[in-house]
Amino acid sequence: LSAGDAVRARSILDPALRAHPQESRFHVMAAALSAAEGAVADAVAHLWRGLAAEPRSALVRSELLRAVVAPGADPGEVDKNFALDSGERQTGASLELIRADHRARYAMAARWVRQRFGTPRRLAGIDAFCGNGYGSRMLCDLAGVRMVGLDGSAEAIALAERSYGSHRAVFGHALFPFQLAAGLFDFAISFESIEHVDDPLGDRKSVV
């Protein structure tokens, strides 16, 4: 967009957003406009507002993921067992079906976030290697933060979106090493993951 086109687009879009703040598609358009202007943080803020308006919008959820994470390795090039039933993953579709010791780790993380940030409701965190998403959702519920969970298992992410996705929890399939957009996350969580990374001391630039 040229500067003039952007101004004209905003003159049309801003009144529409004020009149219809619950219309998620307007937030997506506002996000696209902000991204075109190089304001990625503003674009992501619009997408979170779009999710608040329509939590299950596939369009908003996919656009949010596209804005924050760049694809990693090609799944066909990675020799790992990413199956949900590999024995390495929690598979419960509700919290009471998750092992207590696993839930305790995320409860500890939620306490840390609250103690570290005070009132963290507008903060966003990344849960790298999130598995089926129960922990990300726990952080949302216990600390009030927004979470993006990423995992190399497409099956686990499908379960995460289905069972634990919300207007504050979004899950995406991404194989490590992946790249995150800079400056969009206030903290990172990653449990039971280092032993599954082939080169944990390698390219540190791959993770924010």
C-alpha atoms as a PDB file:
ATOM      1  CA  LEU A   1       0.000   0.000   0.000  1.00  0.00           C
ATOM      2  CA  SER A   2       1.117   3.534  -0.699  1.00  0.00           C
ATOM      3  CA  ALA A   3       0.856   6.029   2.144  1.00  0.00           C
ATOM      4  CA  GLY A   4      -2.218   7.536   0.526  1.00  0.00           C
ATOM      5  CA  ASP A   5      -3.885   4.160   0.091  1.00  0.00           C
ATOM      6  CA  ALA A   6      -3.247   3.308   3.753  1.00  0.00           C
ATOM      7  CA  VAL A   7      -4.783   6.569   4.934  1.00  0.00           C
ATOM      8  CA  ARG A   8      -7.830   6.016   2.748  1.00  0.00           C
ATOM      9  CA  ALA A   9      -8.204   2.417   3.931  1.00  0.00           C
ATOM     10  CA  ARG A  10      -8.030   3.516   7.567  1.00  0.00           C
ATOM     11  CA  SER A  11     -10.594   6.235   6.989  1.00  0.00           C
ATOM     12  CA  ILE A  12     -13.009   3.507   5.895  1.00  0.00           C
ATOM     13  CA  LEU A  13     -12.006   0.773   8.321  1.00  0.00           C
ATOM     14  CA  ASP A  14     -11.744   2.711  11.598  1.00  0.00           C
ATOM     15  CA  PRO A  15     -15.395   3.874  11.623  1.00  0.00           C
ATOM     16  CA  ALA A  16     -16.482   0.345  10.706  1.00  0.00           C
ATOM     17  CA  LEU A  17     -14.548  -1.055  13.655  1.00  0.00           C
ATOM     18  CA  ARG A  18     -16.013   1.495  16.036  1.00  0.00           C
ATOM     19  CA  ALA A  19     -19.517   0.695  14.836  1.00  0.00           C
ATOM     20  CA  HIS A  20     -19.009  -3.098  14.803  1.00  0.00           C
ATOM     21  CA  PRO A  21     -16.276  -4.019  17.332  1.00  0.00           C
ATOM     22  CA  GLN A  22     -17.552  -7.611  17.464  1.00  0.00           C
ATOM     23  CA  GLU A  23     -17.006  -8.190  13.747  1.00  0.00           C
ATOM     24  CA  SER A  24     -13.858 -10.329  13.635  1.00  0.00           C
ATOM     25  CA  ARG A  25     -13.329  -9.807   9.900  1.00  0.00           C
ATOM     26  CA  PHE A  26     -12.839  -6.089  10.450  1.00  0.00           C
ATOM     27  CA  HIS A  27     -10.098  -6.899  12.951  1.00  0.00           C
ATOM     28  CA  VAL A  28      -8.453  -9.165  10.381  1.00  0.00           C
ATOM     29  CA  MET A  29      -8.540  -6.360   7.822  1.00  0.00           C
ATOM     30  CA  ALA A  30      -7.114  -3.919  10.364  1.00  0.00           C
ATOM     31  CA  ALA A  31      -4.374  -6.430  11.144  1.00  0.00           C
ATOM     32  CA  ALA A  32      -3.517  -6.790   7.455  1.00  0.00           C
ATOM     33  CA  LEU A  33      -3.314  -3.025   7.114  1.00  0.00           C
ATOM     34  CA  SER A  34      -1.053  -2.697  10.172  1.00  0.00           C
ATOM     35  CA  ALA A  35       1.180  -5.510   8.908  1.00  0.00           C
ATOM     36  CA  ALA A  36       1.474  -3.801   5.518  1.00  0.00           C
ATOM     37  CA  GLU A  37       2.657  -0.702   7.347  1.00  0.00           C
ATOM     38  CA  GLY A  38       5.251  -2.740   9.261  1.00  0.00           C
ATOM     39  CA  ALA A  39       3.420  -2.480  12.609  1.00  0.00           C
ATOM     40  CA  VAL A  40       3.415  -6.190  13.442  1.00  0.00           C
ATOM     41  CA  ALA A  41       2.631  -5.692  17.146  1.00  0.00           C
ATOM     42  CA  ASP A  42      -0.435  -3.619  16.229  1.00  0.00           C
ATOM     43  CA  ALA A  43      -1.484  -6.286  13.731  1.00  0.00           C
ATOM     44  CA  VAL A  44      -1.282  -9.000  16.380  1.00  0.00           C
ATOM     45  CA  ALA A  45      -3.193  -6.832  18.870  1.00  0.00           C
ATOM     46  CA  HIS A  46      -6.011  -6.523  16.322  1.00  0.00           C
ATOM     47  CA  LEU A  47      -6.048 -10.299  15.877  1.00  0.00           C
ATOM     48  CA  TRP A  48      -6.296 -10.919  19.628  1.00  0.00           C
ATOM     49  CA  ARG A  49      -9.246  -8.528  19.692  1.00  0.00           C
ATOM     50  CA  GLY A  50     -10.741 -10.434  16.778  1.00  0.00           C
ATOM     51  CA  LEU A  51     -10.439 -13.633  18.778  1.00  0.00           C
ATOM     52  CA  ALA A  52     -12.148 -12.019  21.755  1.00  0.00           C
ATOM     53  CA  ALA A  53     -15.013 -11.191  19.404  1.00  0.00           C
ATOM     54  CA  GLU A  54     -15.138 -14.623  17.736  1.00  0.00           C
ATOM     55  CA  PRO A  55     -12.986 -17.178  19.592  1.00  0.00           C
ATOM     56  CA  ARG A  56     -13.486 -20.019  17.114  1.00  0.00           C
ATOM     57  CA  SER A  57     -12.842 -18.030  13.954  1.00  0.00           C
ATOM     58  CA  ALA A  58     -10.535 -20.214  11.863  1.00  0.00           C
ATOM     59  CA  LEU A  59      -9.516 -17.147   9.865  1.00  0.00           C
ATOM     60  CA  VAL A  60      -8.433 -15.126  12.894  1.00  0.00           C
ATOM     61  CA  ARG A  61      -6.639 -18.075  14.482  1.00  0.00           C
ATOM     62  CA  SER A  62      -4.689 -18.883  11.327  1.00  0.00           C
ATOM     63  CA  GLU A  63      -3.781 -15.238  10.715  1.00  0.00           C
ATOM     64  CA  LEU A  64      -2.530 -14.888  14.289  1.00  0.00           C
ATOM     65  CA  LEU A  65      -0.262 -17.906  13.895  1.00  0.00           C
ATOM     66  CA  ARG A  66       0.979 -16.670  10.542  1.00  0.00           C
ATOM     67  CA  ALA A  67       1.902 -13.343  12.131  1.00  0.00           C
ATOM     68  CA  VAL A  68       3.884 -14.739  15.052  1.00  0.00           C
ATOM     69  CA  VAL A  69       5.728 -17.827  13.790  1.00  0.00           C
ATOM     70  CA  ALA A  70       7.609 -18.712  10.612  1.00  0.00           C
ATOM     71  CA  PRO A  71       7.464 -22.369   9.515  1.00  0.00           C
ATOM     72  CA  GLY A  72      10.324 -24.581  10.647  1.00  0.00           C
ATOM     73  CA  ALA A  73      11.629 -27.789   9.161  1.00  0.00           C
ATOM     74  CA  ASP A  74       9.816 -29.827   6.523  1.00  0.00           C
ATOM     75  CA  PRO A  75       7.932 -32.646   8.316  1.00  0.00           C
ATOM     76  CA  GLY A  76       9.158 -35.070   5.670  1.00  0.00           C
ATOM     77  CA  GLU A  77      12.769 -34.360   6.613  1.00  0.00           C
ATOM     78  CA  VAL A  78      12.420 -35.046  10.360  1.00  0.00           C
ATOM     79  CA  ASP A  79      12.877 -38.614  11.597  1.00  0.00           C
ATOM     80  CA  LYS A  80      10.801 -38.490  14.769  1.00  0.00           C
ATOM     81  CA  ASN A  81       7.632 -40.105  16.016  1.00  0.00           C
ATOM     82  CA  PHE A  82       5.152 -37.250  16.361  1.00  0.00           C
ATOM     83  CA  ALA A  83       2.142 -39.500  16.902  1.00  0.00           C
ATOM     84  CA  LEU A  84      -0.191 -38.520  19.702  1.00  0.00           C
ATOM     85  CA  ASP A  85      -0.016 -42.075  21.054  1.00  0.00           C
ATOM     86  CA  SER A  86       3.796 -42.290  20.952  1.00  0.00           C
ATOM     87  CA  GLY A  87       3.917 -42.717  24.734  1.00  0.00           C
ATOM     88  CA  GLU A  88       5.697 -39.375  25.157  1.00  0.00           C
ATOM     89  CA  ARG A  89       2.576 -37.234  25.298  1.00  0.00           C
ATOM     90  CA  GLN A  90      -0.349 -36.490  27.539  1.00  0.00           C
ATOM     91  CA  THR A  91      -3.474 -37.285  25.550  1.00  0.00           C
ATOM     92  CA  GLY A  92      -6.338 -36.273  27.837  1.00  0.00           C
ATOM     93  CA  ALA A  93      -8.991 -34.035  26.326  1.00  0.00           C
ATOM     94  CA  SER A  94      -9.778 -32.505  29.741  1.00  0.00           C
ATOM     95  CA  LEU A  95      -7.596 -31.438  32.652  1.00  0.00           C
ATOM     96  CA  GLU A  96      -8.753 -34.201  34.981  1.00  0.00           C
ATOM     97  CA  LEU A  97      -7.325 -36.705  32.486  1.00  0.00           C
ATOM     98  CA  ILE A  98      -3.849 -35.108  32.629  1.00  0.00           C
ATOM     99  CA  ARG A  99      -1.322 -36.520  35.095  1.00  0.00           C
ATOM    100  CA  ALA A 100      -1.148 -34.457  38.290  1.00  0.00           C
ATOM    101  CA  ASP A 101       2.633 -33.980  38.130  1.00  0.00           C
ATOM    102  CA  HIS A 102       2.312 -32.504  34.639  1.00  0.00           C
ATOM    103  CA  ARG A 103      -0.434 -30.132  35.745  1.00  0.00           C
ATOM    104  CA  ALA A 104       1.656 -29.080  38.742  1.00  0.00           C
ATOM    105  CA  ARG A 105       4.442 -27.792  36.486  1.00  0.00           C
ATOM    106  CA  TYR A 106       2.131 -25.456  34.655  1.00  0.00           C
ATOM    107  CA  ALA A 107       0.471 -24.360  37.889  1.00  0.00           C
ATOM    108  CA  MET A 108       3.965 -23.432  39.096  1.00  0.00           C
ATOM    109  CA  ALA A 109       4.559 -21.488  35.866  1.00  0.00           C
ATOM    110  CA  ALA A 110       1.273 -19.621  36.349  1.00  0.00           C
ATOM    111  CA  ARG A 111       2.314 -18.659  39.881  1.00  0.00           C
ATOM    112  CA  TRP A 112       5.651 -17.419  38.560  1.00  0.00           C
ATOM    113  CA  VAL A 113       3.936 -15.301  35.903  1.00  0.00           C
ATOM    114  CA  ARG A 114       1.616 -13.720  38.465  1.00  0.00           C
ATOM    115  CA  GLN A 115       4.484 -13.030  40.866  1.00  0.00           C
ATOM    116  CA  ARG A 116       6.793 -11.722  38.146  1.00  0.00           C
ATOM    117  CA  PHE A 117       4.315  -9.510  36.321  1.00  0.00           C
ATOM    118  CA  GLY A 118       1.708  -8.609  38.935  1.00  0.00           C
ATOM    119  CA  THR A 119      -1.347  -8.081  36.736  1.00  0.00           C
ATOM    120  CA  PRO A 120      -0.488 -10.016  33.581  1.00  0.00           C
ATOM    121  CA  ARG A 121      -3.799  -9.937  31.740  1.00  0.00           C
ATOM    122  CA  ARG A 122      -2.483  -8.159  28.649  1.00  0.00           C
ATOM    123  CA  LEU A 123       0.667 -10.262  28.445  1.00  0.00           C
ATOM    124  CA  ALA A 124       1.323 -12.954  25.849  1.00  0.00           C
ATOM    125  CA  GLY A 125       3.432 -16.073  26.268  1.00  0.00           C
ATOM    126  CA  ILE A 126       4.771 -18.802  24.030  1.00  0.00           C
ATOM    127  CA  ASP A 127       4.564 -22.456  25.022  1.00  0.00           C
ATOM    128  CA  ALA A 128       7.191 -24.188  22.903  1.00  0.00           C
ATOM    129  CA  PHE A 129       6.550 -27.918  22.508  1.00  0.00           C
ATOM    130  CA  CYS A 130       3.113 -27.528  24.069  1.00  0.00           C
ATOM    131  CA  GLY A 131       1.900 -31.076  23.398  1.00  0.00           C
ATOM    132  CA  ASN A 132      -1.871 -31.326  23.497  1.00  0.00           C
ATOM    133  CA  GLY A 133      -2.229 -27.805  24.887  1.00  0.00           C
ATOM    134  CA  TYR A 134      -3.490 -28.419  28.416  1.00  0.00           C
ATOM    135  CA  GLY A 135      -0.652 -26.379  29.968  1.00  0.00           C
ATOM    136  CA  SER A 136      -1.137 -23.354  27.766  1.00  0.00           C
ATOM    137  CA  ARG A 137      -4.813 -23.330  28.680  1.00  0.00           C
ATOM    138  CA  MET A 138      -3.921 -23.640  32.372  1.00  0.00           C
ATOM    139  CA  LEU A 139      -1.751 -20.523  32.108  1.00  0.00           C
ATOM    140  CA  CYS A 140      -4.597 -18.653  30.434  1.00  0.00           C
ATOM    141  CA  ASP A 141      -7.055 -19.673  33.125  1.00  0.00           C
ATOM    142  CA  LEU A 142      -4.779 -19.312  36.160  1.00  0.00           C
ATOM    143  CA  ALA A 143      -2.835 -16.192  35.163  1.00  0.00           C
ATOM    144  CA  GLY A 144      -5.174 -14.537  32.661  1.00  0.00           C
ATOM    145  CA  VAL A 145      -2.507 -14.306  29.957  1.00  0.00           C
ATOM    146  CA  ARG A 146      -2.722 -14.982  26.241  1.00  0.00           C
ATOM    147  CA  MET A 147      -0.841 -18.048  25.003  1.00  0.00           C
ATOM    148  CA  VAL A 148       0.390 -19.387  21.685  1.00  0.00           C
ATOM    149  CA  GLY A 149       1.291 -23.084  21.883  1.00  0.00           C
ATOM    150  CA  LEU A 150       3.476 -24.711  19.244  1.00  0.00           C
ATOM    151  CA  ASP A 151       4.279 -28.375  18.744  1.00  0.00           C
ATOM    152  CA  GLY A 152       5.689 -30.666  16.074  1.00  0.00           C
ATOM    153  CA  SER A 153       2.786 -33.108  16.323  1.00  0.00           C
ATOM    154  CA  ALA A 154      -0.098 -32.216  14.045  1.00  0.00           C
ATOM    155  CA  GLU A 155      -2.254 -34.700  15.969  1.00  0.00           C
ATOM    156  CA  ALA A 156      -1.468 -33.053  19.303  1.00  0.00           C
ATOM    157  CA  ILE A 157      -2.196 -29.600  17.907  1.00  0.00           C
ATOM    158  CA  ALA A 158      -5.537 -30.760  16.495  1.00  0.00           C
ATOM    159  CA  LEU A 159      -6.456 -32.030  19.963  1.00  0.00           C
ATOM    160  CA  ALA A 160      -5.194 -28.814  21.548  1.00  0.00           C
ATOM    161  CA  GLU A 161      -7.317 -26.616  19.310  1.00  0.00           C
ATOM    162  CA  ARG A 162     -10.360 -28.817  19.784  1.00  0.00           C
ATOM    163  CA  SER A 163     -10.162 -29.294  23.553  1.00  0.00           C
ATOM    164  CA  TYR A 164      -8.128 -26.378  24.932  1.00  0.00           C
ATOM    165  CA  GLY A 165      -8.362 -23.566  22.381  1.00  0.00           C
ATOM    166  CA  SER A 166     -10.059 -20.333  23.428  1.00  0.00           C
ATOM    167  CA  HIS A 167      -9.948 -16.596  22.794  1.00  0.00           C
ATOM    168  CA  ARG A 168      -6.756 -16.596  24.885  1.00  0.00           C
ATOM    169  CA  ALA A 169      -5.177 -19.869  23.734  1.00  0.00           C
ATOM    170  CA  VAL A 170      -4.161 -20.529  20.130  1.00  0.00           C
ATOM    171  CA  PHE A 171      -2.228 -23.564  18.932  1.00  0.00           C
ATOM    172  CA  GLY A 172      -0.140 -24.134  15.835  1.00  0.00           C
ATOM    173  CA  HIS A 173       1.826 -26.928  14.183  1.00  0.00           C
ATOM    174  CA  ALA A 174       5.496 -25.957  13.879  1.00  0.00           C
ATOM    175  CA  LEU A 175       8.600 -28.117  13.776  1.00  0.00           C
ATOM    176  CA  PHE A 176      11.717 -26.921  15.571  1.00  0.00           C
ATOM    177  CA  PRO A 177      13.733 -24.920  14.692  1.00  0.00           C
ATOM    178  CA  PHE A 178      11.093 -22.289  14.027  1.00  0.00           C
ATOM    179  CA  GLN A 179      11.394 -18.527  14.154  1.00  0.00           C
ATOM    180  CA  LEU A 180       9.178 -16.232  16.196  1.00  0.00           C
ATOM    181  CA  ALA A 181       8.443 -12.624  15.336  1.00  0.00           C
ATOM    182  CA  ALA A 182      10.504 -10.438  17.653  1.00  0.00           C
ATOM    183  CA  GLY A 183       8.974  -8.448  20.476  1.00  0.00           C
ATOM    184  CA  LEU A 184       5.562 -10.114  20.589  1.00  0.00           C
ATOM    185  CA  PHE A 185       5.951 -12.345  23.646  1.00  0.00           C
ATOM    186  CA  ASP A 186       6.553 -11.382  27.260  1.00  0.00           C
ATOM    187  CA  PHE A 187       7.668 -14.814  28.452  1.00  0.00           C
ATOM    188  CA  ALA A 188       8.294 -18.350  27.219  1.00  0.00           C
ATOM    189  CA  ILE A 189       7.417 -21.720  28.720  1.00  0.00           C
ATOM    190  CA  SER A 190       8.898 -25.044  27.642  1.00  0.00           C
ATOM    191  CA  PHE A 191       8.636 -28.254  29.653  1.00  0.00           C
ATOM    192  CA  GLU A 192       9.988 -31.729  28.846  1.00  0.00           C
ATOM    193  CA  SER A 193      11.423 -30.613  25.531  1.00  0.00           C
ATOM    194  CA  ILE A 194      15.207 -30.252  25.633  1.00  0.00           C
ATOM    195  CA  GLU A 195      15.748 -34.019  25.437  1.00  0.00           C
ATOM    196  CA  HIS A 196      13.826 -34.118  22.148  1.00  0.00           C
ATOM    197  CA  VAL A 197      15.910 -31.451  20.393  1.00  0.00           C
ATOM    198  CA  ASP A 198      18.664 -32.909  18.215  1.00  0.00           C
ATOM    199  CA  ASP A 199      21.025 -29.961  18.626  1.00  0.00           C
ATOM    200  CA  PRO A 200      20.067 -28.052  21.812  1.00  0.00           C
ATOM    201  CA  LEU A 201      23.294 -26.021  21.716  1.00  0.00           C
ATOM    202  CA  GLY A 202      23.061 -25.208  18.030  1.00  0.00           C
ATOM    203  CA  ASP A 203      21.454 -22.242  16.245  1.00  0.00           C
ATOM    204  CA  ARG A 204      20.330 -20.079  19.172  1.00  0.00           C
ATOM    205  CA  LYS A 205      18.874 -17.552  16.728  1.00  0.00           C
ATOM    206  CA  SER A 206      16.018 -19.973  16.005  1.00  0.00           C
ATOM    207  CA  VAL A 207      14.259 -19.149  19.265  1.00  0.00           C
ATOM    208  CA  VAL A 208      13.402 -15.757  20.704  1.00  0.00           C
END
